[in-house]
Amino acid sequence: ILGLGEEHEELLATLSDLRAADVNILTLGQYLRPSPQHLPIARFYRPDEFRELAEEGARLGFAHVEAGPLVRSSYHAKRQVAAIGS
């Protein structure tokens, strides 16, 4: 979940660390504040930024990447697993 104040370099380092740990499926989505009692949104990512992050994930070797403002960890999970042949 993105938009809680992470820096771009931190995000790229985390993607690299995930691949180094042999993670194959990556989902990136926008944090949406569920109520005023929850943390505020620090930043909204644009659709083109999600596309760029998906491209970076593919370049790093993730077998499947879902990236977009409404993507969550279960987003198209069945399709993701099928795509990597597990």
N, C-alpha and C. Protein backbone atom coordinates (compact mmCIF):
# COMPACT_ATOMS: atom_id res chain seq x y z
N ILE A 1 0.86 -1.17 0.00
CA ILE A 1 0.00 0.00 0.00
C ILE A 1 0.91 1.23 0.00
N LEU A 2 0.69 2.10 -0.97
CA LEU A 2 1.53 3.29 -1.13
C LEU A 2 0.76 4.54 -0.72
N GLY A 3 1.50 5.55 -0.31
CA GLY A 3 0.90 6.84 0.00
C GLY A 3 0.95 7.20 1.47
N LEU A 4 1.79 6.49 2.23
CA LEU A 4 1.91 6.77 3.66
C LEU A 4 3.18 7.54 4.01
N GLY A 5 3.87 8.04 2.99
CA GLY A 5 5.06 8.85 3.24
C GLY A 5 6.37 8.23 2.81
N GLU A 6 6.30 7.10 2.13
CA GLU A 6 7.53 6.45 1.67
C GLU A 6 8.21 7.31 0.60
N GLU A 7 9.51 7.23 0.58
CA GLU A 7 10.30 7.91 -0.46
C GLU A 7 10.47 6.96 -1.64
N HIS A 8 10.66 7.53 -2.82
CA HIS A 8 10.79 6.71 -4.03
C HIS A 8 11.96 5.73 -3.92
N GLU A 9 13.07 6.20 -3.39
CA GLU A 9 14.25 5.33 -3.24
C GLU A 9 13.96 4.17 -2.29
N GLU A 10 13.19 4.44 -1.22
CA GLU A 10 12.81 3.38 -0.29
C GLU A 10 11.94 2.34 -0.98
N LEU A 11 11.04 2.82 -1.81
CA LEU A 11 10.15 1.92 -2.54
C LEU A 11 10.95 1.03 -3.49
N LEU A 12 11.86 1.61 -4.24
CA LEU A 12 12.68 0.82 -5.17
C LEU A 12 13.55 -0.18 -4.42
N ALA A 13 14.11 0.23 -3.29
CA ALA A 13 14.92 -0.68 -2.48
C ALA A 13 14.08 -1.84 -1.96
N THR A 14 12.85 -1.55 -1.56
CA THR A 14 11.95 -2.60 -1.07
C THR A 14 11.61 -3.58 -2.18
N LEU A 15 11.35 -3.08 -3.38
CA LEU A 15 11.08 -3.97 -4.51
C LEU A 15 12.28 -4.89 -4.76
N SER A 16 13.47 -4.33 -4.72
CA SER A 16 14.68 -5.15 -4.91
C SER A 16 14.83 -6.18 -3.81
N ASP A 17 14.56 -5.79 -2.58
CA ASP A 17 14.65 -6.72 -1.45
C ASP A 17 13.64 -7.86 -1.59
N LEU A 18 12.44 -7.53 -2.03
CA LEU A 18 11.41 -8.56 -2.23
C LEU A 18 11.85 -9.57 -3.28
N ARG A 19 12.41 -9.08 -4.38
CA ARG A 19 12.88 -10.00 -5.43
C ARG A 19 14.03 -10.84 -4.92
N ALA A 20 14.93 -10.23 -4.15
CA ALA A 20 16.07 -10.97 -3.59
C ALA A 20 15.59 -12.08 -2.65
N ALA A 21 14.41 -11.90 -2.07
CA ALA A 21 13.82 -12.91 -1.19
C ALA A 21 12.97 -13.91 -1.98
N ASP A 22 13.05 -13.85 -3.31
CA ASP A 22 12.36 -14.76 -4.22
C ASP A 22 10.84 -14.59 -4.22
N VAL A 23 10.37 -13.37 -3.94
CA VAL A 23 8.95 -13.07 -4.07
C VAL A 23 8.65 -12.99 -5.56
N ASN A 24 7.56 -13.62 -6.01
CA ASN A 24 7.23 -13.67 -7.44
C ASN A 24 6.04 -12.82 -7.84
N ILE A 25 5.14 -12.54 -6.90
CA ILE A 25 3.93 -11.77 -7.19
C ILE A 25 3.98 -10.47 -6.41
N LEU A 26 3.75 -9.35 -7.09
CA LEU A 26 3.80 -8.03 -6.47
C LEU A 26 2.48 -7.32 -6.71
N THR A 27 1.89 -6.80 -5.64
CA THR A 27 0.70 -5.95 -5.76
C THR A 27 1.00 -4.61 -5.11
N LEU A 28 0.73 -3.54 -5.83
CA LEU A 28 0.95 -2.18 -5.35
C LEU A 28 -0.34 -1.39 -5.49
N GLY A 29 -0.83 -0.83 -4.40
CA GLY A 29 -2.06 -0.05 -4.43
C GLY A 29 -1.94 1.21 -3.60
N GLN A 30 -2.91 2.08 -3.75
CA GLN A 30 -2.94 3.36 -3.04
C GLN A 30 -3.58 3.19 -1.67
N TYR A 31 -2.95 3.74 -0.64
CA TYR A 31 -3.58 3.79 0.68
C TYR A 31 -4.76 4.75 0.60
N LEU A 32 -5.90 4.29 1.07
CA LEU A 32 -7.10 5.12 1.13
C LEU A 32 -7.56 5.17 2.58
N ARG A 33 -7.58 6.33 3.15
CA ARG A 33 -7.92 6.52 4.56
C ARG A 33 -9.36 6.08 4.83
N PRO A 34 -9.55 5.03 5.62
CA PRO A 34 -10.90 4.53 5.85
C PRO A 34 -11.77 5.40 6.75
N SER A 35 -11.15 6.20 7.62
CA SER A 35 -11.91 7.07 8.51
C SER A 35 -10.99 8.16 9.04
N PRO A 36 -11.55 9.21 9.62
CA PRO A 36 -10.70 10.27 10.20
C PRO A 36 -9.81 9.78 11.34
N GLN A 37 -10.12 8.64 11.93
CA GLN A 37 -9.31 8.10 13.01
C GLN A 37 -8.05 7.39 12.49
N HIS A 38 -7.97 7.16 11.20
CA HIS A 38 -6.82 6.48 10.60
C HIS A 38 -5.80 7.51 10.10
N LEU A 39 -4.62 7.02 9.79
CA LEU A 39 -3.56 7.89 9.28
C LEU A 39 -4.02 8.63 8.02
N PRO A 40 -3.63 9.89 7.89
CA PRO A 40 -3.97 10.63 6.67
C PRO A 40 -3.13 10.13 5.49
N ILE A 41 -3.63 10.38 4.30
CA ILE A 41 -2.89 10.05 3.08
C ILE A 41 -1.78 11.08 2.91
N ALA A 42 -0.55 10.61 2.81
CA ALA A 42 0.58 11.52 2.63
C ALA A 42 0.75 11.92 1.16
N ARG A 43 0.35 11.01 0.25
CA ARG A 43 0.56 11.28 -1.17
C ARG A 43 -0.35 10.39 -2.01
N PHE A 44 -0.95 10.97 -3.04
CA PHE A 44 -1.69 10.20 -4.04
C PHE A 44 -0.76 9.93 -5.21
N TYR A 45 -0.68 8.67 -5.61
CA TYR A 45 0.12 8.29 -6.77
C TYR A 45 -0.75 8.39 -8.02
N ARG A 46 -0.17 8.91 -9.09
CA ARG A 46 -0.87 9.03 -10.36
C ARG A 46 -0.86 7.67 -11.09
N PRO A 47 -1.84 7.44 -11.96
CA PRO A 47 -1.85 6.17 -12.72
C PRO A 47 -0.55 5.91 -13.47
N ASP A 48 0.06 6.96 -14.04
CA ASP A 48 1.32 6.74 -14.76
C ASP A 48 2.44 6.31 -13.82
N GLU A 49 2.40 6.75 -12.57
CA GLU A 49 3.41 6.32 -11.60
C GLU A 49 3.22 4.83 -11.27
N PHE A 50 1.98 4.39 -11.16
CA PHE A 50 1.73 2.97 -10.94
C PHE A 50 2.21 2.15 -12.14
N ARG A 51 2.00 2.66 -13.36
CA ARG A 51 2.50 1.96 -14.56
C ARG A 51 4.02 1.85 -14.53
N GLU A 52 4.68 2.93 -14.16
CA GLU A 52 6.15 2.91 -14.07
C GLU A 52 6.63 1.91 -13.02
N LEU A 53 5.94 1.85 -11.89
CA LEU A 53 6.32 0.89 -10.85
C LEU A 53 6.08 -0.54 -11.32
N ALA A 54 5.00 -0.77 -12.07
CA ALA A 54 4.75 -2.10 -12.63
C ALA A 54 5.87 -2.48 -13.60
N GLU A 55 6.29 -1.54 -14.42
CA GLU A 55 7.39 -1.80 -15.35
C GLU A 55 8.68 -2.11 -14.60
N GLU A 56 8.93 -1.39 -13.52
CA GLU A 56 10.13 -1.64 -12.71
C GLU A 56 10.05 -3.03 -12.08
N GLY A 57 8.86 -3.40 -11.61
CA GLY A 57 8.69 -4.74 -11.06
C GLY A 57 8.97 -5.82 -12.09
N ALA A 58 8.48 -5.63 -13.29
CA ALA A 58 8.74 -6.60 -14.37
C ALA A 58 10.23 -6.65 -14.69
N ARG A 59 10.87 -5.48 -14.73
CA ARG A 59 12.30 -5.43 -15.00
C ARG A 59 13.11 -6.17 -13.93
N LEU A 60 12.64 -6.09 -12.69
CA LEU A 60 13.33 -6.78 -11.60
C LEU A 60 13.10 -8.29 -11.61
N GLY A 61 12.11 -8.73 -12.40
CA GLY A 61 11.90 -10.16 -12.53
C GLY A 61 10.70 -10.73 -11.80
N PHE A 62 9.80 -9.88 -11.29
CA PHE A 62 8.57 -10.40 -10.70
C PHE A 62 7.78 -11.12 -11.80
N ALA A 63 7.26 -12.29 -11.49
CA ALA A 63 6.51 -13.06 -12.48
C ALA A 63 5.17 -12.40 -12.79
N HIS A 64 4.59 -11.72 -11.83
CA HIS A 64 3.31 -11.05 -12.05
C HIS A 64 3.25 -9.79 -11.19
N VAL A 65 2.83 -8.69 -11.79
CA VAL A 65 2.72 -7.41 -11.08
C VAL A 65 1.34 -6.82 -11.34
N GLU A 66 0.65 -6.44 -10.26
CA GLU A 66 -0.59 -5.66 -10.34
C GLU A 66 -0.29 -4.35 -9.64
N ALA A 67 -0.50 -3.23 -10.31
CA ALA A 67 -0.23 -1.93 -9.71
C ALA A 67 -1.28 -0.94 -10.17
N GLY A 68 -1.93 -0.30 -9.22
CA GLY A 68 -2.95 0.69 -9.52
C GLY A 68 -3.57 1.19 -8.24
N PRO A 69 -4.30 2.29 -8.32
CA PRO A 69 -4.83 2.90 -7.11
C PRO A 69 -5.75 2.00 -6.29
N LEU A 70 -6.50 1.13 -6.93
CA LEU A 70 -7.45 0.28 -6.20
C LEU A 70 -6.98 -1.15 -6.02
N VAL A 71 -5.74 -1.44 -6.36
CA VAL A 71 -5.20 -2.80 -6.21
C VAL A 71 -4.98 -3.10 -4.74
N ARG A 72 -5.37 -4.32 -4.35
CA ARG A 72 -5.14 -4.82 -2.99
C ARG A 72 -4.46 -6.17 -3.12
N SER A 73 -3.98 -6.72 -2.00
CA SER A 73 -3.19 -7.95 -2.05
C SER A 73 -3.95 -9.12 -2.67
N SER A 74 -5.26 -9.14 -2.55
CA SER A 74 -6.04 -10.23 -3.12
C SER A 74 -6.52 -9.93 -4.54
N TYR A 75 -6.14 -8.80 -5.09
CA TYR A 75 -6.60 -8.35 -6.40
C TYR A 75 -6.21 -9.35 -7.48
N HIS A 76 -7.20 -9.99 -8.08
CA HIS A 76 -6.97 -10.99 -9.13
C HIS A 76 -6.01 -12.09 -8.70
N ALA A 77 -6.07 -12.48 -7.43
CA ALA A 77 -5.12 -13.45 -6.88
C ALA A 77 -5.12 -14.76 -7.66
N LYS A 78 -6.28 -15.26 -8.02
CA LYS A 78 -6.35 -16.53 -8.76
C LYS A 78 -5.63 -16.40 -10.11
N ARG A 79 -5.86 -15.27 -10.79
CA ARG A 79 -5.21 -15.04 -12.08
C ARG A 79 -3.70 -14.90 -11.91
N GLN A 80 -3.27 -14.25 -10.82
CA GLN A 80 -1.84 -14.07 -10.58
C GLN A 80 -1.15 -15.40 -10.39
N VAL A 81 -1.73 -16.27 -9.58
CA VAL A 81 -1.13 -17.57 -9.33
C VAL A 81 -1.12 -18.40 -10.61
N ALA A 82 -2.20 -18.35 -11.38
CA ALA A 82 -2.25 -19.09 -12.64
C ALA A 82 -1.19 -18.58 -13.61
N ALA A 83 -0.95 -17.28 -13.60
CA ALA A 83 0.02 -16.70 -14.54
C ALA A 83 1.45 -17.16 -14.28
N ILE A 84 1.75 -17.48 -13.03
CA ILE A 84 3.12 -17.92 -12.74
C ILE A 84 3.23 -19.44 -12.72
N GLY A 85 2.11 -20.12 -12.97
CA GLY A 85 2.16 -21.57 -13.09
C GLY A 85 2.25 -22.33 -11.79
N SER A 86 1.80 -21.72 -10.69
CA SER A 86 1.83 -22.42 -9.40
C SER A 86 0.55 -23.17 -9.15
